[in-house]
N, C-alpha and C. Protein backbone atom coordinates (compact mmCIF):
# COMPACT_ATOMS: atom_id res chain seq x y z
N MET A 1 15.97 41.62 19.80
CA MET A 1 15.66 40.76 18.69
C MET A 1 15.27 39.38 19.23
N ALA A 2 14.14 38.87 18.82
CA ALA A 2 13.64 37.58 19.30
C ALA A 2 14.27 36.45 18.51
N ALA A 3 14.62 35.39 19.20
CA ALA A 3 15.22 34.23 18.54
C ALA A 3 14.12 33.24 18.18
N ILE A 4 14.23 32.70 16.99
CA ILE A 4 13.28 31.68 16.53
C ILE A 4 13.94 30.33 16.74
N PRO A 5 13.28 29.42 17.48
CA PRO A 5 13.90 28.11 17.72
C PRO A 5 14.04 27.33 16.41
N PHE A 6 15.15 26.64 16.26
CA PHE A 6 15.41 25.85 15.07
C PHE A 6 14.87 24.45 15.28
N ASP A 7 14.05 24.00 14.36
CA ASP A 7 13.48 22.65 14.40
C ASP A 7 14.13 21.84 13.28
N PRO A 8 15.10 20.95 13.59
CA PRO A 8 15.81 20.24 12.53
C PRO A 8 14.91 19.31 11.72
N ILE A 9 13.90 18.73 12.33
CA ILE A 9 13.00 17.84 11.59
C ILE A 9 12.21 18.62 10.55
N ARG A 10 11.63 19.74 10.96
CA ARG A 10 10.87 20.57 10.02
C ARG A 10 11.78 21.15 8.95
N ALA A 11 12.99 21.53 9.32
CA ALA A 11 13.93 22.08 8.34
C ALA A 11 14.32 21.02 7.32
N ASN A 12 14.53 19.77 7.77
CA ASN A 12 14.86 18.69 6.84
C ASN A 12 13.69 18.38 5.93
N LEU A 13 12.48 18.37 6.47
CA LEU A 13 11.29 18.15 5.65
C LEU A 13 11.15 19.25 4.62
N ALA A 14 11.43 20.49 5.03
CA ALA A 14 11.35 21.62 4.09
C ALA A 14 12.39 21.47 3.00
N ARG A 15 13.60 20.99 3.36
CA ARG A 15 14.64 20.79 2.36
C ARG A 15 14.25 19.71 1.37
N VAL A 16 13.72 18.60 1.86
CA VAL A 16 13.31 17.50 0.98
C VAL A 16 12.16 17.93 0.08
N ASN A 17 11.24 18.73 0.61
CA ASN A 17 10.10 19.20 -0.18
C ASN A 17 10.47 20.33 -1.12
N GLY A 18 11.65 20.87 -1.00
CA GLY A 18 12.07 21.93 -1.90
C GLY A 18 11.67 23.31 -1.43
N SER A 19 11.27 23.48 -0.20
CA SER A 19 10.91 24.78 0.33
C SER A 19 12.16 25.53 0.73
N ASP A 20 12.11 26.84 0.69
CA ASP A 20 13.25 27.65 1.09
C ASP A 20 13.29 27.90 2.57
N SER A 21 12.14 27.81 3.23
CA SER A 21 12.12 28.06 4.67
C SER A 21 11.28 27.02 5.36
N ALA A 22 11.51 26.86 6.64
CA ALA A 22 10.74 25.88 7.41
C ALA A 22 9.29 26.30 7.52
N ALA A 23 9.02 27.58 7.40
CA ALA A 23 7.64 28.05 7.48
C ALA A 23 6.83 27.57 6.29
N ASP A 24 7.49 27.36 5.12
CA ASP A 24 6.78 26.87 3.94
C ASP A 24 6.30 25.44 4.13
N ALA A 25 6.98 24.68 5.00
CA ALA A 25 6.64 23.27 5.18
C ALA A 25 5.29 23.08 5.84
N SER A 26 4.86 24.03 6.62
CA SER A 26 3.55 23.90 7.26
C SER A 26 2.57 24.83 6.56
N SER A 27 1.75 24.26 5.70
CA SER A 27 0.79 25.06 4.96
C SER A 27 -0.58 24.93 5.60
N SER A 28 -1.49 25.79 5.18
CA SER A 28 -2.83 25.78 5.77
C SER A 28 -3.69 24.65 5.21
N ALA A 29 -3.40 24.18 3.99
CA ALA A 29 -4.16 23.09 3.40
C ALA A 29 -3.77 21.78 4.08
N PRO A 30 -4.73 20.87 4.26
CA PRO A 30 -4.41 19.60 4.93
C PRO A 30 -3.48 18.76 4.04
N GLN A 31 -2.52 18.11 4.66
CA GLN A 31 -1.61 17.25 3.93
C GLN A 31 -2.26 15.89 3.75
N MET A 32 -2.43 15.48 2.50
CA MET A 32 -3.11 14.23 2.18
C MET A 32 -2.13 13.07 1.96
N HIS A 33 -0.96 13.38 1.40
CA HIS A 33 0.01 12.34 1.08
C HIS A 33 1.42 12.91 1.10
N ARG A 34 2.41 12.01 0.93
CA ARG A 34 3.81 12.41 0.95
C ARG A 34 4.51 11.99 -0.34
N ILE A 35 3.83 12.06 -1.45
CA ILE A 35 4.39 11.58 -2.71
C ILE A 35 5.66 12.34 -3.09
N ARG A 36 5.62 13.67 -3.01
CA ARG A 36 6.79 14.46 -3.39
C ARG A 36 8.00 14.10 -2.53
N THR A 37 7.78 13.99 -1.23
CA THR A 37 8.87 13.66 -0.32
C THR A 37 9.46 12.30 -0.64
N VAL A 38 8.62 11.30 -0.83
CA VAL A 38 9.09 9.94 -1.13
C VAL A 38 9.78 9.91 -2.49
N ARG A 39 9.21 10.62 -3.48
CA ARG A 39 9.82 10.65 -4.81
C ARG A 39 11.24 11.20 -4.73
N ARG A 40 11.42 12.28 -3.98
CA ARG A 40 12.74 12.88 -3.85
C ARG A 40 13.69 12.00 -3.06
N LEU A 41 13.18 11.34 -2.02
CA LEU A 41 14.03 10.43 -1.25
C LEU A 41 14.45 9.22 -2.08
N GLN A 42 13.62 8.82 -3.02
CA GLN A 42 13.92 7.69 -3.91
C GLN A 42 14.77 8.12 -5.10
N ASN A 43 15.09 9.43 -5.18
CA ASN A 43 15.88 9.99 -6.29
C ASN A 43 15.24 9.75 -7.65
N VAL A 44 13.92 9.91 -7.72
CA VAL A 44 13.20 9.81 -8.98
C VAL A 44 12.91 11.23 -9.44
N SER A 45 13.36 11.57 -10.63
CA SER A 45 13.17 12.93 -11.13
C SER A 45 11.73 13.13 -11.60
N LEU A 46 11.34 14.40 -11.73
CA LEU A 46 10.01 14.71 -12.25
C LEU A 46 9.84 14.15 -13.65
N ARG A 47 10.86 14.30 -14.47
CA ARG A 47 10.80 13.83 -15.85
C ARG A 47 10.62 12.31 -15.91
N THR A 48 11.35 11.58 -15.08
CA THR A 48 11.22 10.11 -15.04
C THR A 48 9.84 9.71 -14.55
N ALA A 49 9.35 10.37 -13.50
CA ALA A 49 8.01 10.07 -12.99
C ALA A 49 6.96 10.31 -14.06
N ALA A 50 7.08 11.45 -14.76
CA ALA A 50 6.10 11.77 -15.81
C ALA A 50 6.13 10.72 -16.92
N ARG A 51 7.33 10.32 -17.32
CA ARG A 51 7.45 9.33 -18.39
C ARG A 51 6.86 8.00 -17.97
N ARG A 52 7.19 7.53 -16.76
CA ARG A 52 6.70 6.22 -16.30
C ARG A 52 5.20 6.22 -16.01
N LEU A 53 4.67 7.37 -15.60
CA LEU A 53 3.23 7.46 -15.33
C LEU A 53 2.42 7.79 -16.58
N GLY A 54 3.11 8.18 -17.63
CA GLY A 54 2.44 8.51 -18.88
C GLY A 54 1.65 9.81 -18.81
N MET A 55 2.23 10.82 -18.14
CA MET A 55 1.56 12.11 -18.02
C MET A 55 2.59 13.22 -18.13
N SER A 56 2.11 14.45 -18.23
CA SER A 56 3.01 15.60 -18.35
C SER A 56 3.64 15.93 -17.00
N ILE A 57 4.77 16.63 -17.06
CA ILE A 57 5.44 17.06 -15.83
C ILE A 57 4.52 17.96 -15.03
N ARG A 58 3.77 18.80 -15.70
CA ARG A 58 2.83 19.70 -15.02
C ARG A 58 1.80 18.90 -14.23
N HIS A 59 1.28 17.83 -14.84
CA HIS A 59 0.29 17.00 -14.16
C HIS A 59 0.91 16.25 -12.98
N VAL A 60 2.17 15.83 -13.13
CA VAL A 60 2.87 15.16 -12.03
C VAL A 60 3.02 16.13 -10.86
N ARG A 61 3.39 17.38 -11.15
CA ARG A 61 3.52 18.38 -10.08
C ARG A 61 2.19 18.61 -9.37
N ILE A 62 1.10 18.63 -10.13
CA ILE A 62 -0.23 18.81 -9.53
C ILE A 62 -0.54 17.63 -8.61
N GLN A 63 -0.28 16.40 -9.10
CA GLN A 63 -0.60 15.22 -8.30
C GLN A 63 0.26 15.12 -7.06
N GLU A 64 1.52 15.51 -7.14
CA GLU A 64 2.38 15.34 -5.97
C GLU A 64 2.26 16.49 -4.98
N ASN A 65 1.41 17.47 -5.27
CA ASN A 65 1.12 18.51 -4.30
C ASN A 65 0.46 17.83 -3.10
N GLU A 66 1.01 18.06 -1.92
CA GLU A 66 0.58 17.35 -0.71
C GLU A 66 -0.90 17.54 -0.37
N SER A 67 -1.50 18.61 -0.86
CA SER A 67 -2.91 18.85 -0.55
C SER A 67 -3.85 18.36 -1.65
N SER A 68 -3.29 17.76 -2.72
CA SER A 68 -4.15 17.25 -3.79
C SER A 68 -4.79 15.94 -3.35
N ASP A 69 -6.07 15.81 -3.64
CA ASP A 69 -6.84 14.62 -3.27
C ASP A 69 -6.82 13.69 -4.47
N LEU A 70 -6.07 12.61 -4.39
CA LEU A 70 -5.90 11.70 -5.51
C LEU A 70 -6.87 10.53 -5.43
N LYS A 71 -7.16 9.96 -6.59
CA LYS A 71 -7.94 8.73 -6.65
C LYS A 71 -7.07 7.58 -6.16
N LEU A 72 -7.70 6.51 -5.71
CA LEU A 72 -6.93 5.34 -5.27
C LEU A 72 -6.09 4.78 -6.41
N SER A 73 -6.62 4.77 -7.62
CA SER A 73 -5.86 4.24 -8.75
C SER A 73 -4.60 5.07 -8.98
N GLU A 74 -4.67 6.38 -8.78
CA GLU A 74 -3.50 7.23 -8.94
C GLU A 74 -2.47 6.95 -7.83
N LEU A 75 -2.96 6.76 -6.60
CA LEU A 75 -2.05 6.41 -5.51
C LEU A 75 -1.34 5.09 -5.78
N TYR A 76 -2.05 4.11 -6.32
CA TYR A 76 -1.44 2.83 -6.62
C TYR A 76 -0.42 2.95 -7.76
N GLN A 77 -0.67 3.85 -8.72
CA GLN A 77 0.32 4.09 -9.77
C GLN A 77 1.61 4.66 -9.16
N TRP A 78 1.46 5.61 -8.25
CA TRP A 78 2.62 6.19 -7.58
C TRP A 78 3.33 5.14 -6.74
N GLN A 79 2.56 4.31 -6.07
CA GLN A 79 3.15 3.26 -5.23
C GLN A 79 3.98 2.31 -6.09
N ALA A 80 3.47 1.94 -7.25
CA ALA A 80 4.21 1.04 -8.14
C ALA A 80 5.46 1.74 -8.68
N LEU A 81 5.34 2.99 -9.03
CA LEU A 81 6.47 3.75 -9.56
C LEU A 81 7.59 3.87 -8.53
N LEU A 82 7.22 4.21 -7.29
CA LEU A 82 8.22 4.45 -6.25
C LEU A 82 8.63 3.17 -5.53
N ASP A 83 7.91 2.08 -5.76
CA ASP A 83 8.20 0.78 -5.17
C ASP A 83 8.31 0.85 -3.65
N VAL A 84 7.27 1.43 -3.04
CA VAL A 84 7.17 1.52 -1.59
C VAL A 84 5.79 1.05 -1.17
N PRO A 85 5.61 0.63 0.06
CA PRO A 85 4.26 0.29 0.53
C PRO A 85 3.36 1.52 0.46
N ILE A 86 2.10 1.31 0.18
CA ILE A 86 1.15 2.42 0.01
C ILE A 86 1.06 3.27 1.27
N ASP A 87 1.22 2.67 2.44
CA ASP A 87 1.11 3.45 3.67
C ASP A 87 2.27 4.43 3.83
N GLU A 88 3.38 4.23 3.09
CA GLU A 88 4.47 5.19 3.12
C GLU A 88 4.10 6.48 2.41
N LEU A 89 3.13 6.40 1.51
CA LEU A 89 2.71 7.58 0.76
C LEU A 89 1.63 8.38 1.48
N LEU A 90 0.92 7.73 2.37
CA LEU A 90 -0.22 8.37 3.03
C LEU A 90 0.19 9.05 4.32
N VAL A 91 -0.55 10.07 4.67
CA VAL A 91 -0.33 10.80 5.92
C VAL A 91 -1.40 10.35 6.90
N GLU A 92 -1.00 10.06 8.11
CA GLU A 92 -1.96 9.65 9.13
C GLU A 92 -2.92 10.80 9.42
N PRO A 93 -4.20 10.53 9.45
CA PRO A 93 -5.15 11.61 9.75
C PRO A 93 -5.00 12.06 11.20
N THR A 94 -5.28 13.34 11.41
CA THR A 94 -5.17 13.87 12.77
C THR A 94 -6.41 13.53 13.59
N LEU A 95 -7.53 13.36 12.94
CA LEU A 95 -8.76 13.01 13.65
C LEU A 95 -8.92 11.50 13.68
N PRO A 96 -9.32 10.95 14.82
CA PRO A 96 -9.53 9.49 14.87
C PRO A 96 -10.77 9.10 14.07
N LEU A 97 -10.82 7.82 13.72
CA LEU A 97 -12.00 7.31 13.02
C LEU A 97 -13.20 7.34 13.95
N SER A 98 -14.37 7.41 13.35
CA SER A 98 -15.58 7.37 14.17
C SER A 98 -15.67 6.00 14.83
N ARG A 99 -16.43 5.92 15.91
CA ARG A 99 -16.52 4.68 16.67
C ARG A 99 -17.02 3.49 15.84
N PRO A 100 -18.10 3.63 15.04
CA PRO A 100 -18.55 2.48 14.25
C PRO A 100 -17.51 2.03 13.22
N VAL A 101 -16.82 2.98 12.61
CA VAL A 101 -15.82 2.63 11.61
C VAL A 101 -14.64 1.91 12.26
N SER A 102 -14.17 2.39 13.40
CA SER A 102 -13.04 1.75 14.06
C SER A 102 -13.42 0.36 14.59
N GLU A 103 -14.66 0.20 15.08
CA GLU A 103 -15.11 -1.12 15.54
C GLU A 103 -15.19 -2.10 14.38
N ARG A 104 -15.69 -1.63 13.24
CA ARG A 104 -15.76 -2.49 12.06
C ARG A 104 -14.36 -2.89 11.61
N ALA A 105 -13.43 -1.96 11.62
CA ALA A 105 -12.05 -2.26 11.22
C ALA A 105 -11.44 -3.30 12.14
N ARG A 106 -11.71 -3.19 13.43
CA ARG A 106 -11.18 -4.18 14.38
C ARG A 106 -11.79 -5.56 14.12
N LEU A 107 -13.11 -5.60 13.86
CA LEU A 107 -13.76 -6.88 13.58
C LEU A 107 -13.23 -7.50 12.29
N VAL A 108 -12.96 -6.69 11.29
CA VAL A 108 -12.40 -7.21 10.03
C VAL A 108 -11.02 -7.80 10.29
N ARG A 109 -10.19 -7.14 11.09
CA ARG A 109 -8.86 -7.67 11.41
C ARG A 109 -8.96 -8.99 12.17
N VAL A 110 -9.89 -9.06 13.12
CA VAL A 110 -10.06 -10.32 13.88
C VAL A 110 -10.54 -11.42 12.94
N MET A 111 -11.45 -11.10 12.02
CA MET A 111 -11.96 -12.09 11.08
C MET A 111 -10.84 -12.58 10.15
N LYS A 112 -9.99 -11.68 9.68
CA LYS A 112 -8.88 -12.07 8.82
C LYS A 112 -7.94 -13.01 9.58
N THR A 113 -7.70 -12.72 10.85
CA THR A 113 -6.84 -13.58 11.66
C THR A 113 -7.49 -14.94 11.87
N ALA A 114 -8.78 -14.96 12.17
CA ALA A 114 -9.50 -16.22 12.38
C ALA A 114 -9.49 -17.06 11.09
N MET A 115 -9.68 -16.42 9.94
CA MET A 115 -9.66 -17.15 8.67
C MET A 115 -8.26 -17.68 8.37
N ALA A 116 -7.23 -16.93 8.72
CA ALA A 116 -5.85 -17.39 8.51
C ALA A 116 -5.56 -18.60 9.41
N ILE A 117 -6.03 -18.57 10.65
CA ILE A 117 -5.86 -19.71 11.56
C ILE A 117 -6.60 -20.92 11.01
N LEU A 118 -7.82 -20.72 10.54
CA LEU A 118 -8.61 -21.81 9.99
C LEU A 118 -7.92 -22.41 8.77
N GLU A 119 -7.35 -21.56 7.93
CA GLU A 119 -6.68 -22.02 6.72
C GLU A 119 -5.41 -22.82 7.04
N ALA A 120 -4.70 -22.43 8.08
CA ALA A 120 -3.41 -23.06 8.41
C ALA A 120 -3.55 -24.20 9.42
N ALA A 121 -4.72 -24.35 10.02
CA ALA A 121 -4.89 -25.34 11.09
C ALA A 121 -4.83 -26.76 10.55
N SER A 122 -4.04 -27.59 11.23
CA SER A 122 -3.97 -29.01 10.86
C SER A 122 -4.57 -29.88 11.96
N ASN A 123 -4.62 -29.36 13.16
CA ASN A 123 -5.17 -30.06 14.31
C ASN A 123 -6.70 -29.94 14.27
N PRO A 124 -7.46 -31.04 14.38
CA PRO A 124 -8.93 -30.96 14.32
C PRO A 124 -9.53 -30.08 15.42
N GLN A 125 -8.90 -30.05 16.59
CA GLN A 125 -9.42 -29.20 17.66
C GLN A 125 -9.24 -27.72 17.33
N LEU A 126 -8.12 -27.37 16.70
CA LEU A 126 -7.87 -25.99 16.30
C LEU A 126 -8.81 -25.58 15.17
N VAL A 127 -9.10 -26.51 14.26
CA VAL A 127 -10.05 -26.25 13.18
C VAL A 127 -11.43 -25.95 13.76
N CYS A 128 -11.85 -26.76 14.72
CA CYS A 128 -13.15 -26.57 15.37
C CYS A 128 -13.23 -25.22 16.07
N LEU A 129 -12.17 -24.87 16.79
CA LEU A 129 -12.12 -23.59 17.50
C LEU A 129 -12.17 -22.42 16.51
N ALA A 130 -11.40 -22.50 15.43
CA ALA A 130 -11.39 -21.43 14.43
C ALA A 130 -12.75 -21.31 13.74
N GLU A 131 -13.38 -22.44 13.42
CA GLU A 131 -14.71 -22.41 12.80
C GLU A 131 -15.73 -21.76 13.72
N ARG A 132 -15.66 -22.09 15.00
CA ARG A 132 -16.58 -21.49 15.98
C ARG A 132 -16.37 -19.98 16.06
N LEU A 133 -15.11 -19.54 16.07
CA LEU A 133 -14.81 -18.11 16.11
C LEU A 133 -15.32 -17.40 14.86
N VAL A 134 -15.12 -18.01 13.70
CA VAL A 134 -15.62 -17.43 12.44
C VAL A 134 -17.13 -17.32 12.48
N ASP A 135 -17.81 -18.37 12.92
CA ASP A 135 -19.28 -18.35 13.00
C ASP A 135 -19.77 -17.24 13.94
N GLN A 136 -19.12 -17.08 15.06
CA GLN A 136 -19.53 -16.04 16.01
C GLN A 136 -19.30 -14.64 15.45
N LEU A 137 -18.20 -14.46 14.72
CA LEU A 137 -17.95 -13.16 14.11
C LEU A 137 -18.98 -12.85 13.03
N ILE A 138 -19.35 -13.85 12.25
CA ILE A 138 -20.37 -13.65 11.22
C ILE A 138 -21.71 -13.34 11.86
N GLU A 139 -21.99 -13.95 13.01
CA GLU A 139 -23.22 -13.64 13.73
C GLU A 139 -23.25 -12.18 14.18
N LEU A 140 -22.10 -11.66 14.61
CA LEU A 140 -22.01 -10.26 15.02
C LEU A 140 -22.15 -9.31 13.83
N MET A 141 -21.51 -9.69 12.71
CA MET A 141 -21.49 -8.82 11.55
C MET A 141 -21.54 -9.68 10.29
N PRO A 142 -22.74 -9.88 9.72
CA PRO A 142 -22.91 -10.80 8.60
C PRO A 142 -22.05 -10.50 7.38
N GLU A 143 -21.69 -9.24 7.14
CA GLU A 143 -20.88 -8.93 5.96
C GLU A 143 -19.45 -9.45 6.06
N LEU A 144 -19.06 -9.95 7.24
CA LEU A 144 -17.73 -10.54 7.40
C LEU A 144 -17.61 -11.87 6.67
N ARG A 145 -18.73 -12.40 6.22
CA ARG A 145 -18.74 -13.68 5.50
C ARG A 145 -17.82 -13.61 4.27
N GLU A 146 -17.67 -12.42 3.70
CA GLU A 146 -16.88 -12.24 2.48
C GLU A 146 -15.40 -11.97 2.76
N VAL A 147 -15.01 -11.86 4.01
CA VAL A 147 -13.62 -11.54 4.35
C VAL A 147 -12.78 -12.81 4.31
N GLY A 148 -11.61 -12.71 3.67
CA GLY A 148 -10.70 -13.83 3.59
C GLY A 148 -9.54 -13.67 4.56
N PRO A 149 -8.63 -14.62 4.55
CA PRO A 149 -7.49 -14.56 5.47
C PRO A 149 -6.49 -13.49 5.04
N TRP A 150 -5.54 -13.20 5.92
CA TRP A 150 -4.46 -12.27 5.61
C TRP A 150 -3.66 -12.84 4.45
N HIS A 151 -3.17 -11.96 3.61
CA HIS A 151 -2.31 -12.40 2.50
C HIS A 151 -0.94 -12.76 3.06
N ALA A 152 -0.28 -13.66 2.39
CA ALA A 152 1.09 -14.01 2.79
C ALA A 152 1.97 -12.80 2.52
N ILE A 153 2.82 -12.51 3.48
CA ILE A 153 3.68 -11.34 3.36
C ILE A 153 5.10 -11.80 3.11
N GLY A 154 5.72 -11.24 2.14
CA GLY A 154 7.11 -11.56 1.82
C GLY A 154 7.76 -10.36 1.18
N ARG A 155 9.03 -10.49 0.86
CA ARG A 155 9.69 -9.36 0.23
C ARG A 155 9.53 -9.45 -1.28
N ARG A 156 9.58 -8.33 -1.95
CA ARG A 156 9.46 -8.30 -3.39
C ARG A 156 10.76 -8.78 -4.02
N ARG A 157 10.62 -9.44 -5.16
CA ARG A 157 11.80 -9.88 -5.89
C ARG A 157 12.43 -8.70 -6.61
N ALA A 158 13.73 -8.71 -6.70
CA ALA A 158 14.43 -7.73 -7.52
C ALA A 158 14.30 -8.14 -8.98
N ALA A 159 14.60 -7.25 -9.89
CA ALA A 159 14.43 -7.52 -11.31
C ALA A 159 15.29 -8.69 -11.78
N GLU A 160 16.46 -8.88 -11.18
CA GLU A 160 17.35 -9.94 -11.63
C GLU A 160 17.04 -11.29 -10.99
N GLU A 161 16.17 -11.35 -9.99
CA GLU A 161 15.82 -12.60 -9.34
C GLU A 161 14.72 -13.32 -10.11
N LEU A 162 14.79 -14.64 -10.09
CA LEU A 162 13.77 -15.44 -10.75
C LEU A 162 12.72 -15.86 -9.75
N GLY A 163 11.52 -16.09 -10.21
CA GLY A 163 10.44 -16.54 -9.35
C GLY A 163 10.56 -18.02 -9.05
N ARG A 164 9.66 -18.52 -8.20
CA ARG A 164 9.70 -19.94 -7.80
C ARG A 164 9.44 -20.86 -8.98
N VAL A 165 8.70 -20.39 -9.99
CA VAL A 165 8.40 -21.24 -11.13
C VAL A 165 9.69 -21.59 -11.88
N ALA A 166 10.70 -20.74 -11.81
CA ALA A 166 11.96 -21.01 -12.50
C ALA A 166 12.78 -22.09 -11.81
N GLU A 167 12.43 -22.42 -10.57
CA GLU A 167 13.15 -23.46 -9.84
C GLU A 167 12.79 -24.86 -10.32
N HIS A 168 11.67 -25.02 -11.01
CA HIS A 168 11.18 -26.32 -11.43
C HIS A 168 11.50 -26.57 -12.90
N CYS A 169 11.71 -27.82 -13.22
CA CYS A 169 11.92 -28.20 -14.62
C CYS A 169 10.58 -28.65 -15.18
N TYR A 170 10.23 -28.10 -16.30
CA TYR A 170 8.97 -28.45 -16.95
C TYR A 170 9.27 -29.06 -18.31
N SER A 171 8.49 -30.07 -18.66
CA SER A 171 8.61 -30.65 -20.00
C SER A 171 7.55 -30.04 -20.89
N GLU A 172 7.67 -30.27 -22.17
CA GLU A 172 6.69 -29.74 -23.11
C GLU A 172 5.31 -30.35 -22.86
N ASP A 173 5.28 -31.57 -22.29
CA ASP A 173 4.01 -32.25 -22.04
C ASP A 173 3.21 -31.58 -20.92
N SER A 174 3.90 -30.82 -20.05
CA SER A 174 3.20 -30.21 -18.93
C SER A 174 2.42 -28.97 -19.33
N PHE A 175 2.65 -28.47 -20.55
CA PHE A 175 1.92 -27.31 -21.02
C PHE A 175 0.76 -27.75 -21.88
N ASP A 176 -0.41 -27.18 -21.65
CA ASP A 176 -1.60 -27.53 -22.40
C ASP A 176 -1.70 -26.60 -23.60
N LEU A 177 -1.30 -27.11 -24.76
CA LEU A 177 -1.37 -26.32 -25.98
C LEU A 177 -2.65 -26.68 -26.72
N SER A 178 -3.44 -25.69 -27.02
CA SER A 178 -4.69 -25.96 -27.77
C SER A 178 -4.33 -26.19 -29.22
N SER A 179 -5.28 -26.73 -29.98
CA SER A 179 -5.04 -27.03 -31.38
C SER A 179 -4.76 -25.78 -32.19
N SER A 180 -5.34 -24.62 -31.79
CA SER A 180 -5.09 -23.38 -32.53
C SER A 180 -3.66 -22.91 -32.33
N ASP A 181 -3.09 -23.16 -31.13
CA ASP A 181 -1.71 -22.79 -30.88
C ASP A 181 -0.75 -23.70 -31.65
N ALA A 182 -1.10 -24.98 -31.75
CA ALA A 182 -0.23 -25.93 -32.45
C ALA A 182 -0.20 -25.66 -33.94
N ALA A 183 -1.32 -25.15 -34.50
CA ALA A 183 -1.39 -24.87 -35.94
C ALA A 183 -0.53 -23.69 -36.30
N GLU A 184 -0.31 -22.77 -35.38
CA GLU A 184 0.48 -21.57 -35.68
C GLU A 184 1.89 -21.88 -35.58
């Protein structure tokens, strides 16, 4: 009798996905996302997901099938529901990007960094250096003209936390009420 090696990672993935055997975890269809796995790890039920997404349980099951190709808007709905970064839902492709696409992605990242340096620079020499770098990048790839700096990264507020606007005291004079609002 031949022994089958036990793979604890695949077995755990199969358990989280609801499969009865580790063989079910590896299907022939390409895995596009990990929505079902993340939903189960977040302890969100199918019924709750369906209610919050405004769709039937059947449709939720179809969307969370790992081989289903979802629209970006649907992925963002799932991301908001599960409150995780979008890259946690996606599966890394097995094939690398083509050379032109990967070069463009690298140039976009460099441009975002250069724009962030330019935005934060207070020293005139650093401003000059960042402007020169931005100009050279635009010369290489003119469509980079529309690229902005990296967004500020921070943690999300919990529901009970107040935003920064709540830290300030505002008077009634600081709000611009139009005449139509005052009449009501």
